[in-house]
């Protein structure tokens, strides 16, 4: 029986401009916007570590230097607060920095999520890997569930040794903002994908199961991305590449347990901030 390679690496495509948050993102990466007192990108990296990742690759663009600085030592700051009560606020990020290696690659042109993932191929090499879109902040809301969304996907991958994507039920007309799967349910909440449609009209959607920003992909996805023709605006969509993969090989989709906040929108960002404030900071 073929052994299953562990998921050691995760890509974070972070080259986007974050125009929905202007003017806040004019000079600051949207991924560095704080959800209470922790930047959005750190939540994603912590989720990756929880899933067993030790190598994190950022696909960056212009104006994203603050992300690299966040995952590096700030000697001046640490000198100023050493020995004070403020030093405890750096414990979480120090643990992250001690756990992972960080690699940064520049996406010179923003030509879609598929192109961003393909840009990260030199980081990944010939092994399975994860992808996290930091805009989707996934929380573990059930005490009986030990891991957040990516960790649940990794468990499915380790059982079936194939690509796995995260999905959730999307209500009503909102489905037109998502990639949507069709397939048969092989376990509770786990679907074998037979087709995918990018942003369908509600009446044309094959299901109400929308894809969110968590993926575990086998390395052959790079071949499929290379063969994928650009779509609207000249962008290469990862949905199109995975759709072709699913026609030829097994792809699974998991309705993960937990809650996903759409932090690419102002409403979702505020919802996430309120949730984490009430959970971690509000006086009981």
C-alpha atoms as a PDB file:
ATOM      1  CA  UNK A   1       0.000   0.000   0.000  1.00  0.00           C
ATOM      2  CA  UNK A   2       1.361   3.391  -0.999  1.00  0.00           C
ATOM      3  CA  UNK A   3       2.250   5.561   1.986  1.00  0.00           C
ATOM      4  CA  UNK A   4       0.619   8.969   2.235  1.00  0.00           C
ATOM      5  CA  UNK A   5       3.013  11.909   2.255  1.00  0.00           C
ATOM      6  CA  UNK A   6       2.478  14.323   5.116  1.00  0.00           C
ATOM      7  CA  UNK A   7       1.298  17.875   4.509  1.00  0.00           C
ATOM      8  CA  UNK A   8       4.308  19.980   5.536  1.00  0.00           C
ATOM      9  CA  UNK A   9       3.841  23.086   3.388  1.00  0.00           C
ATOM     10  CA  UNK A  10       1.147  25.720   2.996  1.00  0.00           C
ATOM     11  CA  UNK A  11       0.821  28.562   0.506  1.00  0.00           C
ATOM     12  CA  UNK A  12      -0.746  31.894   1.410  1.00  0.00           C
ATOM     13  CA  UNK A  13      -1.626  33.971  -1.689  1.00  0.00           C
ATOM     14  CA  UNK A  14      -1.397  37.527  -0.291  1.00  0.00           C
ATOM     15  CA  UNK A  15      -0.702  39.709  -3.325  1.00  0.00           C
ATOM     16  CA  UNK A  16      -4.183  41.278  -3.615  1.00  0.00           C
ATOM     17  CA  UNK A  17      -4.817  44.973  -3.076  1.00  0.00           C
ATOM     18  CA  UNK A  18      -7.737  44.699  -0.632  1.00  0.00           C
ATOM     19  CA  UNK A  19      -9.683  47.435  -2.381  1.00  0.00           C
ATOM     20  CA  UNK A  20     -12.860  46.762  -0.375  1.00  0.00           C
ATOM     21  CA  UNK A  21     -11.055  48.133   2.680  1.00  0.00           C
ATOM     22  CA  UNK A  22      -9.755  51.374   1.179  1.00  0.00           C
ATOM     23  CA  UNK A  23      -8.484  53.741   2.433  1.00  0.00           C
ATOM     24  CA  UNK A  24      -7.207  51.504   5.275  1.00  0.00           C
ATOM     25  CA  UNK A  25      -5.365  49.273   2.792  1.00  0.00           C
ATOM     26  CA  UNK A  26      -3.818  52.089   0.775  1.00  0.00           C
ATOM     27  CA  UNK A  27      -0.500  51.635   2.605  1.00  0.00           C
ATOM     28  CA  UNK A  28      -1.124  48.518   4.720  1.00  0.00           C
ATOM     29  CA  UNK A  29      -1.737  44.948   3.525  1.00  0.00           C
ATOM     30  CA  UNK A  30      -5.313  43.827   4.146  1.00  0.00           C
ATOM     31  CA  UNK A  31      -3.868  40.650   5.691  1.00  0.00           C
ATOM     32  CA  UNK A  32      -2.364  42.812   8.452  1.00  0.00           C
ATOM     33  CA  UNK A  33      -5.698  44.313   9.495  1.00  0.00           C
ATOM     34  CA  UNK A  34      -6.194  43.385  13.163  1.00  0.00           C
ATOM     35  CA  UNK A  35      -9.023  41.175  14.346  1.00  0.00           C
ATOM     36  CA  UNK A  36      -9.001  42.584  17.880  1.00  0.00           C
ATOM     37  CA  UNK A  37      -5.220  42.563  18.577  1.00  0.00           C
ATOM     38  CA  UNK A  38      -3.933  39.950  16.111  1.00  0.00           C
ATOM     39  CA  UNK A  39      -3.517  40.441  12.349  1.00  0.00           C
ATOM     40  CA  UNK A  40      -5.696  38.368  10.068  1.00  0.00           C
ATOM     41  CA  UNK A  41      -2.714  36.573   8.510  1.00  0.00           C
ATOM     42  CA  UNK A  42      -1.540  35.271  11.900  1.00  0.00           C
ATOM     43  CA  UNK A  43      -4.845  33.475  12.487  1.00  0.00           C
ATOM     44  CA  UNK A  44      -4.316  31.651   9.184  1.00  0.00           C
ATOM     45  CA  UNK A  45      -0.713  30.695   9.964  1.00  0.00           C
ATOM     46  CA  UNK A  46      -1.736  29.396  13.387  1.00  0.00           C
ATOM     47  CA  UNK A  47      -4.409  27.254  11.736  1.00  0.00           C
ATOM     48  CA  UNK A  48      -1.790  25.858   9.347  1.00  0.00           C
ATOM     49  CA  UNK A  49       0.538  25.004  12.251  1.00  0.00           C
ATOM     50  CA  UNK A  50      -2.348  23.273  14.027  1.00  0.00           C
ATOM     51  CA  UNK A  51      -2.745  21.108  10.891  1.00  0.00           C
ATOM     52  CA  UNK A  52       0.930  20.047  11.003  1.00  0.00           C
ATOM     53  CA  UNK A  53       2.476  22.589   8.624  1.00  0.00           C
ATOM     54  CA  UNK A  54       6.091  23.607   9.222  1.00  0.00           C
ATOM     55  CA  UNK A  55       6.888  25.435   5.941  1.00  0.00           C
ATOM     56  CA  UNK A  56       4.848  28.530   5.046  1.00  0.00           C
ATOM     57  CA  UNK A  57       5.110  30.172   1.647  1.00  0.00           C
ATOM     58  CA  UNK A  58       3.726  33.658   1.034  1.00  0.00           C
ATOM     59  CA  UNK A  59       2.937  34.645  -2.553  1.00  0.00           C
ATOM     60  CA  UNK A  60       3.318  38.384  -2.185  1.00  0.00           C
ATOM     61  CA  UNK A  61       3.150  41.539  -4.248  1.00  0.00           C
ATOM     62  CA  UNK A  62       4.126  45.164  -3.986  1.00  0.00           C
ATOM     63  CA  UNK A  63       3.381  46.862  -0.689  1.00  0.00           C
ATOM     64  CA  UNK A  64       3.351  43.658   1.366  1.00  0.00           C
ATOM     65  CA  UNK A  65       6.571  44.140   3.314  1.00  0.00           C
ATOM     66  CA  UNK A  66       4.682  44.391   6.603  1.00  0.00           C
ATOM     67  CA  UNK A  67       3.790  40.678   6.405  1.00  0.00           C
ATOM     68  CA  UNK A  68       7.455  39.684   6.286  1.00  0.00           C
ATOM     69  CA  UNK A  69       8.251  42.098   9.117  1.00  0.00           C
ATOM     70  CA  UNK A  70       5.479  40.621  11.278  1.00  0.00           C
ATOM     71  CA  UNK A  71       7.024  37.149  11.087  1.00  0.00           C
ATOM     72  CA  UNK A  72      10.477  38.455  11.953  1.00  0.00           C
ATOM     73  CA  UNK A  73      12.172  39.728  15.107  1.00  0.00           C
ATOM     74  CA  UNK A  74      11.712  43.403  15.964  1.00  0.00           C
ATOM     75  CA  UNK A  75      14.825  44.088  18.012  1.00  0.00           C
ATOM     76  CA  UNK A  76      13.942  47.684  18.902  1.00  0.00           C
ATOM     77  CA  UNK A  77      10.435  46.800  20.096  1.00  0.00           C
ATOM     78  CA  UNK A  78      11.578  43.765  22.063  1.00  0.00           C
ATOM     79  CA  UNK A  79      14.344  45.781  23.709  1.00  0.00           C
ATOM     80  CA  UNK A  80      11.863  48.455  24.788  1.00  0.00           C
ATOM     81  CA  UNK A  81       9.358  46.062  26.391  1.00  0.00           C
ATOM     82  CA  UNK A  82      11.733  43.387  27.736  1.00  0.00           C
ATOM     83  CA  UNK A  83      10.996  42.640  31.377  1.00  0.00           C
ATOM     84  CA  UNK A  84       7.678  44.532  31.357  1.00  0.00           C
ATOM     85  CA  UNK A  85       4.105  43.243  31.493  1.00  0.00           C
ATOM     86  CA  UNK A  86       3.759  44.073  27.796  1.00  0.00           C
ATOM     87  CA  UNK A  87       6.191  41.335  26.792  1.00  0.00           C
ATOM     88  CA  UNK A  88       3.518  38.648  27.205  1.00  0.00           C
ATOM     89  CA  UNK A  89       1.686  40.044  24.155  1.00  0.00           C
ATOM     90  CA  UNK A  90       4.478  38.713  21.936  1.00  0.00           C
ATOM     91  CA  UNK A  91       4.244  35.124  23.192  1.00  0.00           C
ATOM     92  CA  UNK A  92       1.907  33.900  20.422  1.00  0.00           C
ATOM     93  CA  UNK A  93       3.896  35.342  17.525  1.00  0.00           C
ATOM     94  CA  UNK A  94       7.194  34.139  19.000  1.00  0.00           C
ATOM     95  CA  UNK A  95       5.774  30.604  19.150  1.00  0.00           C
ATOM     96  CA  UNK A  96       4.678  30.855  15.508  1.00  0.00           C
ATOM     97  CA  UNK A  97       8.137  32.076  14.459  1.00  0.00           C
ATOM     98  CA  UNK A  98       9.822  29.252  16.359  1.00  0.00           C
ATOM     99  CA  UNK A  99       7.563  26.610  14.745  1.00  0.00           C
ATOM    100  CA  UNK A 100       7.696  27.542  11.052  1.00  0.00           C
ATOM    101  CA  UNK A 101      10.079  28.502   8.301  1.00  0.00           C
ATOM    102  CA  UNK A 102       8.827  31.336   6.095  1.00  0.00           C
ATOM    103  CA  UNK A 103       9.475  31.742   2.371  1.00  0.00           C
ATOM    104  CA  UNK A 104       8.386  34.720   0.257  1.00  0.00           C
ATOM    105  CA  UNK A 105       7.885  34.809  -3.515  1.00  0.00           C
ATOM    106  CA  UNK A 106       6.708  37.754  -5.576  1.00  0.00           C
ATOM    107  CA  UNK A 107       3.723  37.388  -7.893  1.00  0.00           C
ATOM    108  CA  UNK A 108       4.717  40.044 -10.410  1.00  0.00           C
ATOM    109  CA  UNK A 109       1.289  40.121 -12.053  1.00  0.00           C
ATOM    110  CA  UNK A 110      -1.963  39.301 -10.304  1.00  0.00           C
ATOM    111  CA  UNK A 111      -3.477  36.889 -12.794  1.00  0.00           C
ATOM    112  CA  UNK A 112      -5.803  34.925 -10.563  1.00  0.00           C
ATOM    113  CA  UNK A 113      -5.603  32.447  -7.698  1.00  0.00           C
ATOM    114  CA  UNK A 114      -4.503  29.650 -10.006  1.00  0.00           C
ATOM    115  CA  UNK A 115      -1.570  31.760 -11.194  1.00  0.00           C
ATOM    116  CA  UNK A 116      -0.657  32.633  -7.591  1.00  0.00           C
ATOM    117  CA  UNK A 117      -0.552  28.953  -6.629  1.00  0.00           C
ATOM    118  CA  UNK A 118       1.495  28.128  -9.709  1.00  0.00           C
ATOM    119  CA  UNK A 119       3.944  30.869  -8.694  1.00  0.00           C
ATOM    120  CA  UNK A 120       4.516  28.911  -5.494  1.00  0.00           C
ATOM    121  CA  UNK A 121       5.550  25.698  -7.245  1.00  0.00           C
ATOM    122  CA  UNK A 122       9.285  26.194  -6.482  1.00  0.00           C
ATOM    123  CA  UNK A 123       8.392  26.345  -2.776  1.00  0.00           C
ATOM    124  CA  UNK A 124       6.269  23.195  -2.904  1.00  0.00           C
ATOM    125  CA  UNK A 125       8.223  20.920  -5.226  1.00  0.00           C
ATOM    126  CA  UNK A 126       6.766  17.444  -5.732  1.00  0.00           C
ATOM    127  CA  UNK A 127       4.708  16.994  -2.596  1.00  0.00           C
ATOM    128  CA  UNK A 128       1.139  17.585  -1.448  1.00  0.00           C
ATOM    129  CA  UNK A 129       0.436  20.957   0.119  1.00  0.00           C
ATOM    130  CA  UNK A 130      -2.199  23.202   1.626  1.00  0.00           C
ATOM    131  CA  UNK A 131      -3.536  26.582   0.548  1.00  0.00           C
ATOM    132  CA  UNK A 132      -5.129  29.091   2.897  1.00  0.00           C
ATOM    133  CA  UNK A 133      -6.857  32.279   1.809  1.00  0.00           C
ATOM    134  CA  UNK A 134      -6.482  34.534   4.828  1.00  0.00           C
ATOM    135  CA  UNK A 135      -9.671  36.445   3.938  1.00  0.00           C
ATOM    136  CA  UNK A 136     -11.578  33.383   5.136  1.00  0.00           C
ATOM    137  CA  UNK A 137     -11.064  33.251   8.882  1.00  0.00           C
ATOM    138  CA  UNK A 138     -12.138  29.847  10.196  1.00  0.00           C
ATOM    139  CA  UNK A 139     -12.948  29.430  13.880  1.00  0.00           C
ATOM    140  CA  UNK A 140     -13.414  26.248  15.878  1.00  0.00           C
ATOM    141  CA  UNK A 141     -16.831  26.808  17.470  1.00  0.00           C
ATOM    142  CA  UNK A 142     -17.520  23.266  18.711  1.00  0.00           C
ATOM    143  CA  UNK A 143     -15.592  22.098  21.764  1.00  0.00           C
ATOM    144  CA  UNK A 144     -15.879  18.503  20.518  1.00  0.00           C
ATOM    145  CA  UNK A 145     -13.888  19.381  17.365  1.00  0.00           C
ATOM    146  CA  UNK A 146     -10.149  19.404  17.952  1.00  0.00           C
ATOM    147  CA  UNK A 147      -8.988  21.241  14.806  1.00  0.00           C
ATOM    148  CA  UNK A 148     -10.065  24.080  12.580  1.00  0.00           C
ATOM    149  CA  UNK A 149     -10.953  23.714   8.901  1.00  0.00           C
ATOM    150  CA  UNK A 150      -7.500  22.956   7.472  1.00  0.00           C
ATOM    151  CA  UNK A 151      -6.765  20.313  10.083  1.00  0.00           C
ATOM    152  CA  UNK A 152     -10.031  18.580   9.191  1.00  0.00           C
ATOM    153  CA  UNK A 153      -9.102  18.631   5.488  1.00  0.00           C
ATOM    154  CA  UNK A 154      -5.695  17.145   6.254  1.00  0.00           C
ATOM    155  CA  UNK A 155      -7.348  14.268   8.134  1.00  0.00           C
ATOM    156  CA  UNK A 156      -9.499  13.517   5.069  1.00  0.00           C
ATOM    157  CA  UNK A 157      -6.452  13.714   2.800  1.00  0.00           C
ATOM    158  CA  UNK A 158      -4.548  11.275   5.020  1.00  0.00           C
ATOM    159  CA  UNK A 159      -7.446   8.807   4.800  1.00  0.00           C
ATOM    160  CA  UNK A 160      -8.090   9.043   1.041  1.00  0.00           C
ATOM    161  CA  UNK A 161      -4.752  10.324  -0.362  1.00  0.00           C
ATOM    162  CA  UNK A 162      -6.294  12.813  -2.797  1.00  0.00           C
ATOM    163  CA  UNK A 163      -7.042  16.516  -3.133  1.00  0.00           C
ATOM    164  CA  UNK A 164      -9.618  17.901  -0.677  1.00  0.00           C
ATOM    165  CA  UNK A 165     -11.398  21.260  -0.701  1.00  0.00           C
ATOM    166  CA  UNK A 166     -13.500  22.956   1.972  1.00  0.00           C
ATOM    167  CA  UNK A 167     -17.152  23.754   1.343  1.00  0.00           C
ATOM    168  CA  UNK A 168     -20.080  25.200   3.244  1.00  0.00           C
ATOM    169  CA  UNK A 169     -23.794  25.692   2.711  1.00  0.00           C
ATOM    170  CA  UNK A 170     -24.356  29.050   1.048  1.00  0.00           C
ATOM    171  CA  UNK A 171     -27.831  30.585   1.341  1.00  0.00           C
ATOM    172  CA  UNK A 172     -29.908  31.922  -1.525  1.00  0.00           C
ATOM    173  CA  UNK A 173     -28.550  34.356  -4.084  1.00  0.00           C
ATOM    174  CA  UNK A 174     -25.140  34.517  -2.369  1.00  0.00           C
ATOM    175  CA  UNK A 175     -24.191  31.342  -4.237  1.00  0.00           C
ATOM    176  CA  UNK A 176     -23.345  33.456  -7.286  1.00  0.00           C
ATOM    177  CA  UNK A 177     -20.236  34.704  -5.451  1.00  0.00           C
ATOM    178  CA  UNK A 178     -18.742  31.225  -5.028  1.00  0.00           C
ATOM    179  CA  UNK A 179     -17.337  28.281  -6.859  1.00  0.00           C
ATOM    180  CA  UNK A 180     -19.964  25.577  -6.430  1.00  0.00           C
ATOM    181  CA  UNK A 181     -19.574  21.803  -6.443  1.00  0.00           C
ATOM    182  CA  UNK A 182     -21.791  18.936  -7.427  1.00  0.00           C
ATOM    183  CA  UNK A 183     -21.137  15.387  -6.286  1.00  0.00           C
ATOM    184  CA  UNK A 184     -22.323  12.464  -4.215  1.00  0.00           C
ATOM    185  CA  UNK A 185     -22.049  12.237  -0.446  1.00  0.00           C
ATOM    186  CA  UNK A 186     -19.798   9.306   0.539  1.00  0.00           C
ATOM    187  CA  UNK A 187     -19.673  10.066   4.260  1.00  0.00           C
ATOM    188  CA  UNK A 188     -21.514  12.501   6.463  1.00  0.00           C
ATOM    189  CA  UNK A 189     -20.502  15.914   5.093  1.00  0.00           C
ATOM    190  CA  UNK A 190     -17.941  14.472   2.666  1.00  0.00           C
ATOM    191  CA  UNK A 191     -18.610  14.600  -1.086  1.00  0.00           C
ATOM    192  CA  UNK A 192     -16.903  13.076  -4.085  1.00  0.00           C
ATOM    193  CA  UNK A 193     -16.775  15.924  -6.606  1.00  0.00           C
ATOM    194  CA  UNK A 194     -17.922  15.313 -10.175  1.00  0.00           C
ATOM    195  CA  UNK A 195     -18.204  18.924 -11.325  1.00  0.00           C
ATOM    196  CA  UNK A 196     -17.579  22.503 -10.249  1.00  0.00           C
ATOM    197  CA  UNK A 197     -19.032  25.775 -11.511  1.00  0.00           C
ATOM    198  CA  UNK A 198     -17.463  29.186 -10.898  1.00  0.00           C
ATOM    199  CA  UNK A 199     -19.960  31.843  -9.704  1.00  0.00           C
ATOM    200  CA  UNK A 200     -23.136  30.431 -11.265  1.00  0.00           C
ATOM    201  CA  UNK A 201     -26.452  32.218 -11.410  1.00  0.00           C
ATOM    202  CA  UNK A 202     -28.617  30.970  -8.527  1.00  0.00           C
ATOM    203  CA  UNK A 203     -30.933  29.138 -10.918  1.00  0.00           C
ATOM    204  CA  UNK A 204     -27.967  27.397 -12.570  1.00  0.00           C
ATOM    205  CA  UNK A 205     -26.125  26.351  -9.394  1.00  0.00           C
ATOM    206  CA  UNK A 206     -25.755  22.553  -9.139  1.00  0.00           C
ATOM    207  CA  UNK A 207     -25.989  22.738  -5.324  1.00  0.00           C
ATOM    208  CA  UNK A 208     -25.776  25.180  -2.425  1.00  0.00           C
ATOM    209  CA  UNK A 209     -22.283  23.950  -1.542  1.00  0.00           C
ATOM    210  CA  UNK A 210     -19.830  26.787  -2.034  1.00  0.00           C
ATOM    211  CA  UNK A 211     -16.041  26.476  -1.990  1.00  0.00           C
ATOM    212  CA  UNK A 212     -14.178  28.505   0.644  1.00  0.00           C
ATOM    213  CA  UNK A 213     -10.501  29.332   0.986  1.00  0.00           C
ATOM    214  CA  UNK A 214      -9.054  26.082   2.315  1.00  0.00           C
ATOM    215  CA  UNK A 215      -7.477  23.479   0.038  1.00  0.00           C
ATOM    216  CA  UNK A 216      -5.260  20.413   0.303  1.00  0.00           C
ATOM    217  CA  UNK A 217      -3.840  19.704  -3.145  1.00  0.00           C
ATOM    218  CA  UNK A 218      -1.709  16.971  -4.648  1.00  0.00           C
ATOM    219  CA  UNK A 219       1.297  18.223  -6.660  1.00  0.00           C
ATOM    220  CA  UNK A 220      -0.216  17.184  -9.999  1.00  0.00           C
ATOM    221  CA  UNK A 221      -2.456  20.257  -9.667  1.00  0.00           C
ATOM    222  CA  UNK A 222       0.411  22.310 -11.106  1.00  0.00           C
ATOM    223  CA  UNK A 223       0.113  20.430 -14.424  1.00  0.00           C
ATOM    224  CA  UNK A 224      -3.604  21.171 -14.523  1.00  0.00           C
ATOM    225  CA  UNK A 225      -3.088  24.861 -13.735  1.00  0.00           C
ATOM    226  CA  UNK A 226      -0.547  25.119 -16.568  1.00  0.00           C
ATOM    227  CA  UNK A 227      -3.141  23.681 -18.960  1.00  0.00           C
ATOM    228  CA  UNK A 228      -5.932  25.957 -17.730  1.00  0.00           C
ATOM    229  CA  UNK A 229      -6.799  28.791 -20.108  1.00  0.00           C
ATOM    230  CA  UNK A 230      -7.239  32.269 -18.615  1.00  0.00           C
ATOM    231  CA  UNK A 231     -10.823  33.288 -18.041  1.00  0.00           C
ATOM    232  CA  UNK A 232     -12.384  36.682 -17.350  1.00  0.00           C
ATOM    233  CA  UNK A 233      -9.862  39.523 -16.947  1.00  0.00           C
ATOM    234  CA  UNK A 234      -7.112  37.171 -18.087  1.00  0.00           C
ATOM    235  CA  UNK A 235      -7.114  35.378 -14.727  1.00  0.00           C
ATOM    236  CA  UNK A 236      -6.354  31.690 -14.236  1.00  0.00           C
ATOM    237  CA  UNK A 237      -8.939  30.263 -11.842  1.00  0.00           C
ATOM    238  CA  UNK A 238      -7.985  27.438  -9.481  1.00  0.00           C
ATOM    239  CA  UNK A 239     -11.609  26.248  -9.662  1.00  0.00           C
ATOM    240  CA  UNK A 240     -11.182  25.510 -13.367  1.00  0.00           C
ATOM    241  CA  UNK A 241      -7.998  23.531 -12.744  1.00  0.00           C
ATOM    242  CA  UNK A 242      -9.539  21.491  -9.908  1.00  0.00           C
ATOM    243  CA  UNK A 243     -12.626  20.862 -12.044  1.00  0.00           C
ATOM    244  CA  UNK A 244     -10.461  19.271 -14.741  1.00  0.00           C
ATOM    245  CA  UNK A 245      -8.569  17.304 -12.087  1.00  0.00           C
ATOM    246  CA  UNK A 246     -11.870  15.984 -10.701  1.00  0.00           C
ATOM    247  CA  UNK A 247     -12.845  14.683 -14.141  1.00  0.00           C
ATOM    248  CA  UNK A 248      -9.733  12.479 -14.239  1.00  0.00           C
ATOM    249  CA  UNK A 249      -8.857  11.777 -10.595  1.00  0.00           C
ATOM    250  CA  UNK A 250     -10.537  11.793  -7.221  1.00  0.00           C
ATOM    251  CA  UNK A 251     -11.296  15.130  -5.556  1.00  0.00           C
ATOM    252  CA  UNK A 252     -13.223  15.332  -2.294  1.00  0.00           C
ATOM    253  CA  UNK A 253     -15.086  18.239  -0.704  1.00  0.00           C
ATOM    254  CA  UNK A 254     -15.633  18.498   3.046  1.00  0.00           C
ATOM    255  CA  UNK A 255     -18.306  20.436   4.906  1.00  0.00           C
ATOM    256  CA  UNK A 256     -15.967  21.368   7.733  1.00  0.00           C
ATOM    257  CA  UNK A 257     -17.141  21.826  11.297  1.00  0.00           C
ATOM    258  CA  UNK A 258     -16.787  25.343  12.605  1.00  0.00           C
ATOM    259  CA  UNK A 259     -17.583  28.867  11.474  1.00  0.00           C
ATOM    260  CA  UNK A 260     -16.072  30.804   8.612  1.00  0.00           C
ATOM    261  CA  UNK A 261     -15.972  34.606   8.631  1.00  0.00           C
ATOM    262  CA  UNK A 262     -15.691  36.351   5.262  1.00  0.00           C
ATOM    263  CA  UNK A 263     -13.070  38.899   6.278  1.00  0.00           C
ATOM    264  CA  UNK A 264     -12.764  40.043   2.679  1.00  0.00           C
ATOM    265  CA  UNK A 265     -15.952  41.997   3.372  1.00  0.00           C
ATOM    266  CA  UNK A 266     -16.457  44.725   5.952  1.00  0.00           C
ATOM    267  CA  UNK A 267     -19.517  42.997   7.442  1.00  0.00           C
ATOM    268  CA  UNK A 268     -17.658  39.706   7.868  1.00  0.00           C
ATOM    269  CA  UNK A 269     -14.617  41.449   9.301  1.00  0.00           C
ATOM    270  CA  UNK A 270     -16.695  43.223  11.930  1.00  0.00           C
ATOM    271  CA  UNK A 271     -18.512  39.955  12.722  1.00  0.00           C
ATOM    272  CA  UNK A 272     -15.167  38.207  13.247  1.00  0.00           C
ATOM    273  CA  UNK A 273     -13.863  41.020  15.433  1.00  0.00           C
ATOM    274  CA  UNK A 274     -16.963  40.879  17.639  1.00  0.00           C
ATOM    275  CA  UNK A 275     -16.725  37.089  17.897  1.00  0.00           C
ATOM    276  CA  UNK A 276     -13.062  37.038  18.952  1.00  0.00           C
ATOM    277  CA  UNK A 277     -13.518  39.951  21.314  1.00  0.00           C
ATOM    278  CA  UNK A 278     -16.395  38.223  23.084  1.00  0.00           C
ATOM    279  CA  UNK A 279     -14.542  34.896  23.132  1.00  0.00           C
ATOM    280  CA  UNK A 280     -11.094  36.029  24.237  1.00  0.00           C
ATOM    281  CA  UNK A 281     -11.216  39.548  25.651  1.00  0.00           C
ATOM    282  CA  UNK A 282     -14.615  40.523  27.052  1.00  0.00           C
ATOM    283  CA  UNK A 283     -14.758  40.526  30.843  1.00  0.00           C
ATOM    284  CA  UNK A 284     -16.726  37.488  32.005  1.00  0.00           C
END
